[in-house]
Amino acid sequence: MMNLRAYGYMSGVGKSSLLNALMEQESRFVQHRTSYLIDKGATDKTNAMWNKQKKKNGGWKK
């Protein structure tokens, strides 16, 4: 989590609503990033398996 005091977000009126908004935004970013990395890993694994099978069954035809 980012240090909110370093950016001056912890002073002033309405700091709890600002804090909640920042936490929600950071949470959404982490969720999207995590799901992207999981999907990318699955795609890479599928491609690697397909390439191994292709090589095993006669290789690439040029």
PDB file of N, CA and C in Angstrom:
ATOM      1  N   MET A   1       0.837  -1.177   0.000  1.00  0.00           N
ATOM      2  CA  MET A   1       0.000   0.000   0.000  1.00  0.00           C
ATOM      3  C   MET A   1       0.879   1.236   0.000  1.00  0.00           C
ATOM      4  N   MET A   2       0.443   2.255  -0.691  1.00  0.00           N
ATOM      5  CA  MET A   2       1.240   3.477  -0.765  1.00  0.00           C
ATOM      6  C   MET A   2       1.184   4.262   0.537  1.00  0.00           C
ATOM      7  N   ASN A   3       2.219   5.021   0.796  1.00  0.00           N
ATOM      8  CA  ASN A   3       2.288   5.839   2.004  1.00  0.00           C
ATOM      9  C   ASN A   3       1.524   7.132   1.751  1.00  0.00           C
ATOM     10  N   LEU A   4       0.316   7.232   2.321  1.00  0.00           N
ATOM     11  CA  LEU A   4      -0.540   8.388   2.061  1.00  0.00           C
ATOM     12  C   LEU A   4      -0.033   9.651   2.739  1.00  0.00           C
ATOM     13  N   ARG A   5       0.633   9.504   3.870  1.00  0.00           N
ATOM     14  CA  ARG A   5       1.148  10.685   4.558  1.00  0.00           C
ATOM     15  C   ARG A   5       2.239  11.372   3.743  1.00  0.00           C
ATOM     16  N   ALA A   6       3.011  10.611   3.013  1.00  0.00           N
ATOM     17  CA  ALA A   6       4.085  11.186   2.206  1.00  0.00           C
ATOM     18  C   ALA A   6       3.523  12.110   1.128  1.00  0.00           C
ATOM     19  N   TYR A   7       2.313  11.828   0.660  1.00  0.00           N
ATOM     20  CA  TYR A   7       1.705  12.645  -0.383  1.00  0.00           C
ATOM     21  C   TYR A   7       0.760  13.701   0.160  1.00  0.00           C
ATOM     22  N   GLY A   8       0.625  13.772   1.490  1.00  0.00           N
ATOM     23  CA  GLY A   8      -0.208  14.803   2.099  1.00  0.00           C
ATOM     24  C   GLY A   8      -1.684  14.509   2.091  1.00  0.00           C
ATOM     25  N   TYR A   9      -2.083  13.264   1.928  1.00  0.00           N
ATOM     26  CA  TYR A   9      -3.498  12.925   1.864  1.00  0.00           C
ATOM     27  C   TYR A   9      -4.132  12.725   3.233  1.00  0.00           C
ATOM     28  N   MET A  10      -3.351  12.665   4.287  1.00  0.00           N
ATOM     29  CA  MET A  10      -3.900  12.382   5.603  1.00  0.00           C
ATOM     30  C   MET A  10      -4.292  13.643   6.366  1.00  0.00           C
ATOM     31  N   SER A  11      -4.107  14.800   5.803  1.00  0.00           N
ATOM     32  CA  SER A  11      -4.499  16.024   6.500  1.00  0.00           C
ATOM     33  C   SER A  11      -5.740  16.608   5.835  1.00  0.00           C
ATOM     34  N   GLY A  12      -6.520  17.365   6.593  1.00  0.00           N
ATOM     35  CA  GLY A  12      -7.689  18.031   6.018  1.00  0.00           C
ATOM     36  C   GLY A  12      -8.980  17.331   6.335  1.00  0.00           C
ATOM     37  N   VAL A  13     -10.061  17.949   5.862  1.00  0.00           N
ATOM     38  CA  VAL A  13     -11.402  17.438   6.126  1.00  0.00           C
ATOM     39  C   VAL A  13     -11.724  16.354   5.104  1.00  0.00           C
ATOM     40  N   GLY A  14     -12.458  15.354   5.531  1.00  0.00           N
ATOM     41  CA  GLY A  14     -12.884  14.298   4.618  1.00  0.00           C
ATOM     42  C   GLY A  14     -11.790  13.307   4.287  1.00  0.00           C
ATOM     43  N   LYS A  15     -10.839  13.147   5.185  1.00  0.00           N
ATOM     44  CA  LYS A  15      -9.723  12.254   4.881  1.00  0.00           C
ATOM     45  C   LYS A  15     -10.155  10.800   4.832  1.00  0.00           C
ATOM     46  N   SER A  16     -11.205  10.442   5.570  1.00  0.00           N
ATOM     47  CA  SER A  16     -11.645   9.045   5.540  1.00  0.00           C
ATOM     48  C   SER A  16     -12.259   8.698   4.192  1.00  0.00           C
ATOM     49  N   SER A  17     -13.022   9.626   3.601  1.00  0.00           N
ATOM     50  CA  SER A  17     -13.616   9.343   2.293  1.00  0.00           C
ATOM     51  C   SER A  17     -12.539   9.283   1.216  1.00  0.00           C
ATOM     52  N   LEU A  18     -11.537  10.146   1.317  1.00  0.00           N
ATOM     53  CA  LEU A  18     -10.437  10.106   0.363  1.00  0.00           C
ATOM     54  C   LEU A  18      -9.637   8.828   0.521  1.00  0.00           C
ATOM     55  N   LEU A  19      -9.400   8.446   1.756  1.00  0.00           N
ATOM     56  CA  LEU A  19      -8.680   7.211   2.031  1.00  0.00           C
ATOM     57  C   LEU A  19      -9.440   6.011   1.482  1.00  0.00           C
ATOM     58  N   ASN A  20     -10.752   5.981   1.693  1.00  0.00           N
ATOM     59  CA  ASN A  20     -11.574   4.882   1.178  1.00  0.00           C
ATOM     60  C   ASN A  20     -11.531   4.838  -0.347  1.00  0.00           C
ATOM     61  N   ALA A  21     -11.585   5.985  -0.991  1.00  0.00           N
ATOM     62  CA  ALA A  21     -11.536   6.039  -2.449  1.00  0.00           C
ATOM     63  C   ALA A  21     -10.191   5.534  -2.970  1.00  0.00           C
ATOM     64  N   LEU A  22      -9.115   5.938  -2.321  1.00  0.00           N
ATOM     65  CA  LEU A  22      -7.794   5.482  -2.749  1.00  0.00           C
ATOM     66  C   LEU A  22      -7.616   3.985  -2.527  1.00  0.00           C
ATOM     67  N   MET A  23      -8.102   3.491  -1.414  1.00  0.00           N
ATOM     68  CA  MET A  23      -8.004   2.058  -1.126  1.00  0.00           C
ATOM     69  C   MET A  23      -8.808   1.243  -2.140  1.00  0.00           C
ATOM     70  N   GLU A  24      -9.996   1.737  -2.491  1.00  0.00           N
ATOM     71  CA  GLU A  24     -10.832   1.046  -3.477  1.00  0.00           C
ATOM     72  C   GLU A  24     -10.152   1.029  -4.843  1.00  0.00           C
ATOM     73  N   GLN A  25      -9.564   2.151  -5.239  1.00  0.00           N
ATOM     74  CA  GLN A  25      -8.876   2.233  -6.521  1.00  0.00           C
ATOM     75  C   GLN A  25      -7.685   1.286  -6.551  1.00  0.00           C
ATOM     76  N   GLU A  26      -6.913   1.254  -5.483  1.00  0.00           N
ATOM     77  CA  GLU A  26      -5.753   0.372  -5.422  1.00  0.00           C
ATOM     78  C   GLU A  26      -6.192  -1.091  -5.435  1.00  0.00           C
ATOM     79  N   SER A  27      -7.286  -1.402  -4.758  1.00  0.00           N
ATOM     80  CA  SER A  27      -7.806  -2.762  -4.715  1.00  0.00           C
ATOM     81  C   SER A  27      -8.226  -3.221  -6.116  1.00  0.00           C
ATOM     82  N   ARG A  28      -8.920  -2.345  -6.852  1.00  0.00           N
ATOM     83  CA  ARG A  28      -9.328  -2.693  -8.218  1.00  0.00           C
ATOM     84  C   ARG A  28      -8.114  -2.929  -9.103  1.00  0.00           C
ATOM     85  N   PHE A  29      -7.096  -2.090  -8.972  1.00  0.00           N
ATOM     86  CA  PHE A  29      -5.888  -2.252  -9.773  1.00  0.00           C
ATOM     87  C   PHE A  29      -5.227  -3.598  -9.492  1.00  0.00           C
ATOM     88  N   VAL A  30      -5.118  -3.964  -8.230  1.00  0.00           N
ATOM     89  CA  VAL A  30      -4.480  -5.226  -7.855  1.00  0.00           C
ATOM     90  C   VAL A  30      -5.292  -6.404  -8.389  1.00  0.00           C
ATOM     91  N   GLN A  31      -6.609  -6.326  -8.301  1.00  0.00           N
ATOM     92  CA  GLN A  31      -7.449  -7.416  -8.806  1.00  0.00           C
ATOM     93  C   GLN A  31      -7.297  -7.583 -10.314  1.00  0.00           C
ATOM     94  N   HIS A  32      -7.290  -6.474 -11.063  1.00  0.00           N
ATOM     95  CA  HIS A  32      -7.150  -6.551 -12.509  1.00  0.00           C
ATOM     96  C   HIS A  32      -5.771  -7.079 -12.891  1.00  0.00           C
ATOM     97  N   ARG A  33      -4.753  -6.608 -12.194  1.00  0.00           N
ATOM     98  CA  ARG A  33      -3.391  -7.047 -12.473  1.00  0.00           C
ATOM     99  C   ARG A  33      -3.228  -8.539 -12.181  1.00  0.00           C
ATOM    100  N   THR A  34      -3.805  -8.991 -11.079  1.00  0.00           N
ATOM    101  CA  THR A  34      -3.714 -10.400 -10.719  1.00  0.00           C
ATOM    102  C   THR A  34      -4.417 -11.275 -11.738  1.00  0.00           C
ATOM    103  N   SER A  35      -5.627 -10.897 -12.137  1.00  0.00           N
ATOM    104  CA  SER A  35      -6.357 -11.704 -13.115  1.00  0.00           C
ATOM    105  C   SER A  35      -5.640 -11.697 -14.462  1.00  0.00           C
ATOM    106  N   TYR A  36      -5.037 -10.574 -14.841  1.00  0.00           N
ATOM    107  CA  TYR A  36      -4.272 -10.518 -16.083  1.00  0.00           C
ATOM    108  C   TYR A  36      -3.093 -11.485 -16.038  1.00  0.00           C
ATOM    109  N   LEU A  37      -2.361 -11.504 -14.929  1.00  0.00           N
ATOM    110  CA  LEU A  37      -1.200 -12.381 -14.821  1.00  0.00           C
ATOM    111  C   LEU A  37      -1.598 -13.857 -14.800  1.00  0.00           C
ATOM    112  N   ILE A  38      -2.727 -14.178 -14.175  1.00  0.00           N
ATOM    113  CA  ILE A  38      -3.206 -15.566 -14.174  1.00  0.00           C
ATOM    114  C   ILE A  38      -3.566 -15.996 -15.587  1.00  0.00           C
ATOM    115  N   ASP A  39      -4.280 -15.140 -16.319  1.00  0.00           N
ATOM    116  CA  ASP A  39      -4.649 -15.459 -17.699  1.00  0.00           C
ATOM    117  C   ASP A  39      -3.422 -15.584 -18.592  1.00  0.00           C
ATOM    118  N   LYS A  40      -2.466 -14.712 -18.410  1.00  0.00           N
ATOM    119  CA  LYS A  40      -1.243 -14.747 -19.212  1.00  0.00           C
ATOM    120  C   LYS A  40      -0.471 -16.037 -18.948  1.00  0.00           C
ATOM    121  N   GLY A  41      -0.391 -16.434 -17.683  1.00  0.00           N
ATOM    122  CA  GLY A  41       0.297 -17.679 -17.338  1.00  0.00           C
ATOM    123  C   GLY A  41      -0.383 -18.890 -17.955  1.00  0.00           C
ATOM    124  N   ALA A  42      -1.708 -18.912 -17.936  1.00  0.00           N
ATOM    125  CA  ALA A  42      -2.450 -20.022 -18.530  1.00  0.00           C
ATOM    126  C   ALA A  42      -2.242 -20.081 -20.040  1.00  0.00           C
ATOM    127  N   THR A  43      -2.244 -18.926 -20.687  1.00  0.00           N
ATOM    128  CA  THR A  43      -2.009 -18.868 -22.130  1.00  0.00           C
ATOM    129  C   THR A  43      -0.600 -19.334 -22.467  1.00  0.00           C
ATOM    130  N   ASP A  44       0.380 -18.886 -21.709  1.00  0.00           N
ATOM    131  CA  ASP A  44       1.763 -19.299 -21.949  1.00  0.00           C
ATOM    132  C   ASP A  44       1.926 -20.801 -21.757  1.00  0.00           C
ATOM    133  N   LYS A  45       1.279 -21.360 -20.743  1.00  0.00           N
ATOM    134  CA  LYS A  45       1.361 -22.797 -20.494  1.00  0.00           C
ATOM    135  C   LYS A  45       0.725 -23.578 -21.637  1.00  0.00           C
ATOM    136  N   THR A  46      -0.415 -23.117 -22.113  1.00  0.00           N
ATOM    137  CA  THR A  46      -1.088 -23.775 -23.234  1.00  0.00           C
ATOM    138  C   THR A  46      -0.217 -23.748 -24.478  1.00  0.00           C
ATOM    139  N   ASN A  47       0.391 -22.592 -24.768  1.00  0.00           N
ATOM    140  CA  ASN A  47       1.261 -22.483 -25.933  1.00  0.00           C
ATOM    141  C   ASN A  47       2.475 -23.389 -25.813  1.00  0.00           C
ATOM    142  N   ALA A  48       3.056 -23.491 -24.624  1.00  0.00           N
ATOM    143  CA  ALA A  48       4.222 -24.343 -24.422  1.00  0.00           C
ATOM    144  C   ALA A  48       3.860 -25.808 -24.634  1.00  0.00           C
ATOM    145  N   MET A  49       2.705 -26.222 -24.112  1.00  0.00           N
ATOM    146  CA  MET A  49       2.270 -27.612 -24.302  1.00  0.00           C
ATOM    147  C   MET A  49       2.021 -27.904 -25.772  1.00  0.00           C
ATOM    148  N   TRP A  50       1.397 -26.990 -26.475  1.00  0.00           N
ATOM    149  CA  TRP A  50       1.107 -27.177 -27.899  1.00  0.00           C
ATOM    150  C   TRP A  50       2.407 -27.289 -28.694  1.00  0.00           C
ATOM    151  N   ASN A  51       3.383 -26.429 -28.379  1.00  0.00           N
ATOM    152  CA  ASN A  51       4.662 -26.471 -29.085  1.00  0.00           C
ATOM    153  C   ASN A  51       5.402 -27.777 -28.825  1.00  0.00           C
ATOM    154  N   LYS A  52       5.387 -28.279 -27.598  1.00  0.00           N
ATOM    155  CA  LYS A  52       6.042 -29.551 -27.283  1.00  0.00           C
ATOM    156  C   LYS A  52       5.394 -30.702 -28.043  1.00  0.00           C
ATOM    157  N   GLN A  53       4.061 -30.709 -28.092  1.00  0.00           N
ATOM    158  CA  GLN A  53       3.362 -31.764 -28.827  1.00  0.00           C
ATOM    159  C   GLN A  53       3.665 -31.685 -30.315  1.00  0.00           C
ATOM    160  N   LYS A  54       3.710 -30.494 -30.838  1.00  0.00           N
ATOM    161  CA  LYS A  54       3.985 -30.302 -32.262  1.00  0.00           C
ATOM    162  C   LYS A  54       5.381 -30.808 -32.601  1.00  0.00           C
ATOM    163  N   LYS A  55       6.363 -30.495 -31.769  1.00  0.00           N
ATOM    164  CA  LYS A  55       7.726 -30.962 -32.005  1.00  0.00           C
ATOM    165  C   LYS A  55       7.824 -32.478 -31.888  1.00  0.00           C
ATOM    166  N   LYS A  56       7.121 -33.045 -30.931  1.00  0.00           N
ATOM    167  CA  LYS A  56       7.155 -34.490 -30.703  1.00  0.00           C
ATOM    168  C   LYS A  56       6.534 -35.249 -31.867  1.00  0.00           C
ATOM    169  N   ASN A  57       5.529 -34.691 -32.492  1.00  0.00           N
ATOM    170  CA  ASN A  57       4.811 -35.368 -33.570  1.00  0.00           C
ATOM    171  C   ASN A  57       5.354 -35.085 -34.962  1.00  0.00           C
ATOM    172  N   GLY A  58       6.596 -34.708 -35.059  1.00  0.00           N
ATOM    173  CA  GLY A  58       7.177 -34.533 -36.385  1.00  0.00           C
ATOM    174  C   GLY A  58       7.811 -33.186 -36.615  1.00  0.00           C
ATOM    175  N   GLY A  59       7.712 -32.324 -35.686  1.00  0.00           N
ATOM    176  CA  GLY A  59       8.388 -31.031 -35.805  1.00  0.00           C
ATOM    177  C   GLY A  59       7.685 -30.063 -36.725  1.00  0.00           C
ATOM    178  N   TRP A  60       8.346 -28.954 -36.922  1.00  0.00           N
ATOM    179  CA  TRP A  60       7.807 -27.892 -37.749  1.00  0.00           C
ATOM    180  C   TRP A  60       8.159 -28.163 -39.203  1.00  0.00           C
ATOM    181  N   LYS A  61       7.190 -28.035 -40.069  1.00  0.00           N
ATOM    182  CA  LYS A  61       7.421 -28.202 -41.516  1.00  0.00           C
ATOM    183  C   LYS A  61       7.793 -26.870 -42.107  1.00  0.00           C
ATOM    184  N   LYS A  62       8.909 -26.864 -42.786  1.00  0.00           N
ATOM    185  CA  LYS A  62       9.362 -25.615 -43.402  1.00  0.00           C
ATOM    186  C   LYS A  62       9.092 -25.592 -44.881  1.00  0.00           C
TER     187      LYS A  62
END
